[in-house]
Protein backbone atom coordinates (compact mmCIF):
# COMPACT_ATOMS: atom_id res chain seq x y z
CA UNK A 1 105.26 80.62 131.14
CA UNK A 2 105.59 84.51 131.09
CA UNK A 3 105.48 86.28 133.85
CA UNK A 4 101.75 88.07 134.06
CA UNK A 5 100.64 85.70 131.71
CA UNK A 6 98.03 82.70 133.29
CA UNK A 7 96.33 80.56 130.49
CA UNK A 8 93.65 77.99 131.40
CA UNK A 9 95.54 75.68 132.69
CA UNK A 10 94.70 72.16 134.08
CA UNK A 11 95.66 73.59 137.75
CA UNK A 12 93.47 76.93 137.93
CA UNK A 13 90.88 74.44 136.88
CA UNK A 14 91.19 72.30 139.29
CA UNK A 15 90.89 74.84 141.89
CA UNK A 16 88.29 76.18 143.16
CA UNK A 17 87.76 79.94 143.28
CA UNK A 18 88.44 82.04 146.31
CA UNK A 19 87.11 85.77 146.32
CA UNK A 20 88.69 88.14 148.40
CA UNK A 21 86.57 89.16 151.57
CA UNK A 22 85.49 93.10 152.11
CA UNK A 23 86.13 95.20 154.64
CA UNK A 24 88.88 95.75 157.20
CA UNK A 25 91.05 92.47 158.74
CA UNK A 26 94.32 92.39 161.06
CA UNK A 27 97.34 92.10 158.60
CA UNK A 28 98.87 88.72 158.63
CA UNK A 29 102.52 87.60 158.24
CA UNK A 30 104.30 83.96 157.80
CA UNK A 31 106.36 83.47 160.27
CA UNK A 32 108.66 81.63 157.90
CA UNK A 33 109.02 84.55 155.72
CA UNK A 34 109.74 86.85 159.00
CA UNK A 35 112.58 84.99 160.34
CA UNK A 36 114.64 84.01 157.52
CA UNK A 37 115.94 86.35 154.10
CA UNK A 38 113.57 85.51 151.32
CA UNK A 39 113.27 89.25 149.80
CA UNK A 40 115.67 91.34 148.75
CA UNK A 41 115.67 94.55 151.05
CA UNK A 42 117.12 97.17 148.36
CA UNK A 43 114.68 99.14 146.43
CA UNK A 44 116.81 98.75 143.09
CA UNK A 45 116.46 95.26 140.99
CA UNK A 46 118.67 93.26 142.77
CA UNK A 47 119.77 89.90 140.69
CA UNK A 48 122.67 88.40 142.95
CA UNK A 49 120.99 85.58 144.35
CA UNK A 50 119.86 85.08 148.20
CA UNK A 51 121.96 82.40 149.60
CA UNK A 52 121.44 81.37 153.54
CA UNK A 53 122.54 78.31 155.14
CA UNK A 54 122.22 78.19 159.48
CA UNK A 55 122.12 74.97 160.98
CA UNK A 56 119.57 72.52 158.98
CA UNK A 57 117.87 75.75 157.26
CA UNK A 58 118.97 76.26 153.67
CA UNK A 59 117.25 79.29 151.72
CA UNK A 60 118.20 80.17 148.09
CA UNK A 61 116.47 83.03 146.18
CA UNK A 62 117.06 83.76 142.94
CA UNK A 63 115.70 86.39 140.59
CA UNK A 64 115.39 87.05 136.58
CA UNK A 65 117.54 89.85 134.63
CA UNK A 66 114.53 91.31 133.87
CA UNK A 67 112.82 91.67 137.18
CA UNK A 68 115.14 90.71 139.67
CA UNK A 69 114.40 89.46 143.34
CA UNK A 70 111.27 90.10 144.76
CA UNK A 71 111.67 92.58 147.43
CA UNK A 72 110.32 93.37 151.15
CA UNK A 73 107.99 95.94 149.87
CA UNK A 74 106.45 93.08 147.35
CA UNK A 75 105.88 90.76 150.17
CA UNK A 76 103.01 93.09 150.83
CA UNK A 77 100.94 91.24 148.69
CA UNK A 78 101.59 88.35 150.37
CA UNK A 79 100.59 89.76 153.66
CA UNK A 80 97.40 90.69 152.38
CA UNK A 81 96.63 87.16 150.64
CA UNK A 82 97.28 86.00 153.97
CA UNK A 83 95.41 87.91 155.86
CA UNK A 84 92.61 86.84 153.86
CA UNK A 85 93.04 83.23 153.82
CA UNK A 86 93.08 83.21 157.90
CA UNK A 87 89.97 85.70 157.47
CA UNK A 88 88.18 83.36 155.72
CA UNK A 89 89.07 80.58 157.89
CA UNK A 90 88.39 81.71 161.16
CA UNK A 91 84.72 82.63 159.54
CA UNK A 92 84.18 78.92 158.74
CA UNK A 93 84.43 79.90 154.65
CA UNK A 94 86.40 77.79 152.19
CA UNK A 95 89.86 79.67 151.18
CA UNK A 96 91.81 78.47 148.27
CA UNK A 97 95.41 78.98 146.07
CA UNK A 98 93.21 80.77 143.88
CA UNK A 99 92.17 83.79 144.75
CA UNK A 100 90.55 87.11 142.88
CA UNK A 101 90.83 91.07 144.09
CA UNK A 102 90.85 94.15 142.90
CA UNK A 103 94.24 96.08 142.86
CA UNK A 104 92.30 98.50 144.83
CA UNK A 105 91.72 95.82 147.96
CA UNK A 106 94.77 95.03 147.94
CA UNK A 107 96.44 98.16 147.40
CA UNK A 108 94.34 100.14 150.16
CA UNK A 109 95.08 97.15 152.68
CA UNK A 110 99.16 98.09 152.41
CA UNK A 111 98.67 101.24 152.91
CA UNK A 112 99.45 102.00 149.35
CA UNK A 113 97.57 105.03 146.72
CA UNK A 114 95.59 104.00 144.36
CA UNK A 115 96.39 105.76 141.24
CA UNK A 116 97.27 104.75 138.20
CA UNK A 117 101.26 104.42 138.57
CA UNK A 118 100.44 102.84 142.03
CA UNK A 119 98.23 100.13 139.84
CA UNK A 120 101.56 99.78 137.66
CA UNK A 121 103.65 99.23 140.65
CA UNK A 122 101.19 96.35 141.58
CA UNK A 123 101.81 94.98 138.34
CA UNK A 124 105.12 95.00 138.46
CA UNK A 125 105.27 93.59 142.26
CA UNK A 126 103.23 90.48 141.07
CA UNK A 127 105.38 90.19 138.06
CA UNK A 128 108.72 90.31 140.40
CA UNK A 129 106.76 87.85 142.84
CA UNK A 130 106.17 85.43 140.32
CA UNK A 131 109.60 85.43 138.54
CA UNK A 132 111.06 85.05 141.92
CA UNK A 133 112.56 81.16 142.56
CA UNK A 134 113.05 80.24 145.78
CA UNK A 135 114.28 76.77 147.14
CA UNK A 136 114.07 75.74 151.01
CA UNK A 137 114.83 72.86 153.34
CA UNK A 138 112.23 74.43 155.73
CA UNK A 139 109.49 72.06 156.67
CA UNK A 140 110.57 69.25 154.99
CA UNK A 141 111.39 66.63 157.53
CA UNK A 142 114.33 65.42 156.19
CA UNK A 143 116.34 69.31 156.59
CA UNK A 144 117.69 67.88 153.59
CA UNK A 145 115.59 67.95 150.67
CA UNK A 146 114.58 71.27 148.89
CA UNK A 147 110.95 72.68 148.42
CA UNK A 148 111.15 74.79 145.21
CA UNK A 149 108.43 77.53 143.89
CA UNK A 150 108.10 80.74 143.06
CA UNK A 151 105.87 83.37 145.58
CA UNK A 152 102.45 83.60 142.85
CA UNK A 153 102.74 80.38 140.49
CA UNK A 154 100.58 82.24 138.40
CA UNK A 155 98.66 85.67 137.55
CA UNK A 156 96.49 87.39 135.16
CA UNK A 157 94.52 90.59 134.71
CA UNK A 158 91.01 90.03 134.01
CA UNK A 159 88.47 92.12 132.01
CA UNK A 160 84.65 91.78 130.92
CA UNK A 161 84.22 91.52 126.97
CA UNK A 162 84.00 95.48 126.35
CA UNK A 163 87.16 95.86 128.25
CA UNK A 164 86.41 96.94 131.70
CA UNK A 165 88.53 95.56 134.02
CA UNK A 166 87.71 92.95 136.36
CA UNK A 167 90.16 92.81 139.16
CA UNK A 168 93.45 90.19 138.69
CA UNK A 169 93.64 86.55 139.80
CA UNK A 170 96.46 84.80 141.06
CA UNK A 171 97.41 81.27 142.31
CA UNK A 172 99.54 81.08 145.39
CA UNK A 173 102.50 78.32 146.28
CA UNK A 174 101.40 75.35 148.22
CA UNK A 175 104.36 75.89 150.08
CA UNK A 176 103.04 79.09 151.45
CA UNK A 177 99.47 78.54 151.35
CA UNK A 178 99.64 75.87 153.81
CA UNK A 179 101.98 77.80 155.95
CA UNK A 180 99.31 80.03 156.32
CA UNK A 181 96.62 77.53 156.92
CA UNK A 182 98.59 76.06 159.99
CA UNK A 183 97.96 78.18 162.72
CA UNK A 184 100.84 78.18 164.62
CA UNK A 185 102.70 79.73 161.56
CA UNK A 186 101.18 82.62 161.10
CA UNK A 187 101.58 85.90 163.61
CA UNK A 188 99.56 89.37 163.37
CA UNK A 189 101.36 92.11 162.89
CA UNK A 190 100.63 96.24 163.63
CA UNK A 191 99.88 97.67 160.51
CA UNK A 192 101.98 101.04 160.79
CA UNK A 193 104.30 98.32 159.44
CA UNK A 194 103.02 99.44 156.21
CA UNK A 195 104.27 102.83 157.25
CA UNK A 196 107.75 101.51 157.50
CA UNK A 197 110.07 102.78 154.33
CA UNK A 198 113.27 101.42 154.92
CA UNK A 199 114.09 98.22 153.82
CA UNK A 200 116.36 96.98 156.97
CA UNK A 201 113.56 98.61 159.10
CA UNK A 202 110.85 96.16 157.59
CA UNK A 203 112.91 93.04 157.79
CA UNK A 204 114.12 94.09 161.61
CA UNK A 205 110.45 94.59 162.18
CA UNK A 206 109.16 91.21 161.12
CA UNK A 207 112.22 89.77 163.14
CA UNK A 208 111.61 91.29 166.02
CA UNK A 209 108.11 90.36 165.61
CA UNK A 210 108.95 86.60 165.22
CA UNK A 211 111.11 86.23 167.94
CA UNK A 212 110.57 88.98 170.57
CA UNK A 213 106.36 88.06 171.19
CA UNK A 214 105.23 89.24 174.01
CA UNK A 215 108.30 88.37 176.16
CA UNK A 216 108.83 90.93 179.07
CA UNK A 217 112.64 90.72 179.13
CA UNK A 218 112.74 90.62 175.06
CA UNK A 219 115.64 89.36 172.81
CA UNK A 220 118.75 89.92 171.87
CA UNK A 221 120.71 89.14 168.57
CA UNK A 222 124.61 90.18 167.81
CA UNK A 223 125.30 92.64 164.89
CA UNK A 224 126.69 90.02 162.95
CA UNK A 225 124.27 87.55 163.15
CA UNK A 226 121.62 89.79 162.50
CA UNK A 227 123.59 90.81 159.27
CA UNK A 228 124.14 87.47 157.81
CA UNK A 229 120.03 86.81 158.65
CA UNK A 230 119.07 89.54 156.45
CA UNK A 231 120.79 88.30 153.40
CA UNK A 232 121.59 92.13 152.81
CA UNK A 233 124.41 92.76 150.01
CA UNK A 234 125.47 96.52 151.96
CA UNK A 235 128.55 96.46 153.68
CA UNK A 236 128.67 95.12 157.08
CA UNK A 237 129.89 98.44 158.32
CA UNK A 238 126.76 99.99 156.57
CA UNK A 239 124.29 97.37 157.90
CA UNK A 240 125.65 98.46 161.14
CA UNK A 241 125.14 102.18 160.74
CA UNK A 242 121.76 101.36 159.65
CA UNK A 243 121.01 99.38 162.70
CA UNK A 244 122.43 102.23 165.27
CA UNK A 245 120.14 104.60 163.31
CA UNK A 246 117.24 102.54 163.88
CA UNK A 247 118.05 102.47 167.55
CA UNK A 248 118.15 106.12 167.99
CA UNK A 249 115.07 106.35 165.60
CA UNK A 250 112.62 103.95 167.68
CA UNK A 251 110.78 103.72 164.50
CA UNK A 252 109.30 99.70 165.10
CA UNK A 253 105.67 99.83 166.36
CA UNK A 254 105.22 97.97 169.35
CA UNK A 255 108.66 97.56 170.31
CA UNK A 256 112.12 99.06 171.81
CA UNK A 257 115.54 98.52 170.92
CA UNK A 258 118.57 98.84 172.84
CA UNK A 259 122.19 98.71 171.55
CA UNK A 260 124.47 96.21 174.55
CA UNK A 261 128.27 96.54 173.98
CA UNK A 262 130.34 94.10 175.07
CA UNK A 263 134.33 93.86 174.89
CA UNK A 264 136.15 93.93 173.34
CA UNK A 265 133.93 95.01 170.29
CA UNK A 266 130.83 93.08 170.16
CA UNK A 267 127.45 95.14 169.43
CA UNK A 268 124.06 93.09 170.46
CA UNK A 269 120.37 94.58 169.17
CA UNK A 270 118.44 94.21 172.35
CA UNK A 271 114.38 94.47 171.63
CA UNK A 272 111.58 94.27 174.14
CA UNK A 273 107.84 95.05 173.63
CA UNK A 274 107.03 98.46 174.69
CA UNK A 275 104.24 97.90 177.87
């Protein structure tokens, strides 16, 4: 099936439709996506697979030559979807993997503009999410079997008989949907996250939010461990330079960053919640 095409498939016919809720709501992110390298951190098209293994965790992400791997900016759509599902669940409203919304609702929530160009970028992001292939051992009970899926199973644009646009429909993968429904696997994030412009900056905020939590003493990570955990294709020296820049800028909402240097040449990134 081509990206962006949604036939009247048996799958969509069997799912109840969830219409996006109106109004403002807190952004929620899935912890599994915050802690592991599932997305490209580059704005340019990435076709080199992400291949991460640590302990019993395997993450393999592949993209097509046409679209490349879904980016950390594309993941904003999944944050929107998770926020909608959690908001509805908490209000006792039935949810579904089949979601309908207007581009305006999504773009406004993730802090984007609502011009024709923004709408076209949204469609390109949906294409990348649909065409990106993920295989992971996360949440598989044996730790050896892999669950394979795309970030969006299918999506389509809706139109009235006169051609007037009526929004979009998309189907989320079961792996993501079940993780969002599990309250222990979702965290609220700062709305200022959507204003972060750098790929490493966005990735680091999500990792810090996942691990830092509200612990007064915070956490520390070795630079090289962070490099492996990021899935970045940048050279380690460039990645480390970016981390030092982020410490200087202090741009992560809600957290303070420090560098701890240990002999002979180990650098640690320390982070703690801002009081």
